[in-house]
Amino acid sequence: MNYFYSLLIVLALMPGLLSAQGIVFEKGDWSDAVKKAKKEKKLLFLHFDKPDCGMCTEVASTAFNSPLMKEKFALHFVSFRLDGTTGIGKELADRLAVECTPSSVYLDADENPLVRYCGSTSFDRLYLEKAEEAFAKSRERPLKSMADAYAKGDRSSALMRAYIDRLRELDLPNTEPLEAYVMSSPADSLRSGQVLRFIFEQAPVVGSKADSLFRRDYPKVDSLYKAVGWNKAVELNNRITNNSLRKAIKEKNVQLANRTAFFRQRTYNNDYKNGLAARNWVMMRYFRGVNDTLQYLILASDYYDKQFMTARVDSVQKLDELESQRRMRGEFTGPNGTVTRPSKPGQMVSVMAFPNTQRFVSALNQAAMDFQELTRDSVYLTKALSWSKRTLEYREDGALMDTYARVLYRLGRKEEALEWQNKAIKKEKERNSPMIASLEETLKKMKNDTF
């Protein structure tokens, strides 16, 4: 029995330990938390909040108030919580390459990321499982020792491959050491299928030396894509896109963003319609990332209308019914749309309930939220209102009603906004949701015209 489950049993037998609820977050500066972690030989737990998503904060707090979380984190972590959108929080998020807020990062005492979780959840077990992953990672060779050796000029193949791999595992930029690895490797070794596969699995930035080297021999590239299999190839293409886009946004390099967008389009081969949509999606993310609001609004208006508003609600729900019937027969739909069965008897396959509905609802709701945050132009807000209204045709829940109320308020339709915000609160009270306080706070601001 591993340490994690032993700890759960001990806690169950010792209720006196659980009298105080929840994680205790440090009150001082981040630098003080780091010093404390080093002194007490603990790991760091860092949670980034997003103030304009009160419900995200409440959901996370529900998990953080778990007595199991308190004991686990008090023993092994120095915990810190802050706004990830401004000040030191924004600086830390940028330094740690955090791509979403809210999110959590588990670090060693040298501030090297070990494990990440994007989003927030009320499910305490998820944070505990991530803590176990962090423990396991912390017992491996520290990233700092590899980074120090690399900084001092160690260019041995073993060190560089280990360092590059670790950066990839931690979702940290590895472009510079990967380029150095390519430049320092003997020419004959760079023709090796094993080396080319290593480069491929690092998801090199589009147009970089590593990317150019990998793609210069088309037959080998084609065979490597086939060798890794469809699922892995899709995963690697996604990572190439994300790594390249991250670099383009950081450098405000629109040329790299365009090259990345064309790369993304080419991954769809002869599927011109979806390829073009994927290309536009990349450029949308770029303009959002560099705060070019006008270009983002123009592209996003067209993208969401074409990709999500042309499908009938009942047609999307019918697809989910068919998916459900397939799962009952022991089948599932893979990323390429093919229907398959588990490769081994009794094998568990992870599936999402109502995947098509979830995809449409999540995309349209997020787009409407973005628009009501970014603009006061009635043309764009009216479009956002139509997207939000469509989500409510799929299902009515408090979060979706809250978005609809927000857009109504931005359009100057205050009375309707108050009516829908009250509906959202009522709906969430019916299920005792942790979102209630946040929804009520938004209602209060709307009434006082301070929203």
Foldseek 3Di string as FASTA:
>chain_A
DDPLVVLVVVCVVCVVLQPQFFADADDDDPVVLLVVCVVVVAKEKEWAAAVVQVQQVLFQVLLRRHSSNHVVCVVHYHYHYYHCPDDPNVVLCVVLVPDAPGWMFIGGSVRHTQFIGHTGHNDNVVVSVRVVSSVVSVPPDDLVVLVVCVVVPDLDPVSLLVNLVVCLVSVHDNQVSLLVNVVPDDPVVLVDLVNLLSLLLSLHAPPGPSNCSSPVDPVSNVVSLPVVHDVSNVVSLVVNLVSQLSVCLVVVPVVSLQSSLQSQLCVVPPPNVVSNLSSLVSVLVSCVSNVVLVVNLVSVLVSLCVPQVVDDLVVLVVVLVVQVVLVVVQWHADPVRDIDHDPDPPDDDDDDRSVSLCVNLVVLLVCLVVQLVRDLDLVSLVSSLVSLVVNVVNDDALSSLLSNLSSCVSPVNLVVSLVSLVVNLVRCVVVVRSCNVVSVVVSVCSVVVND
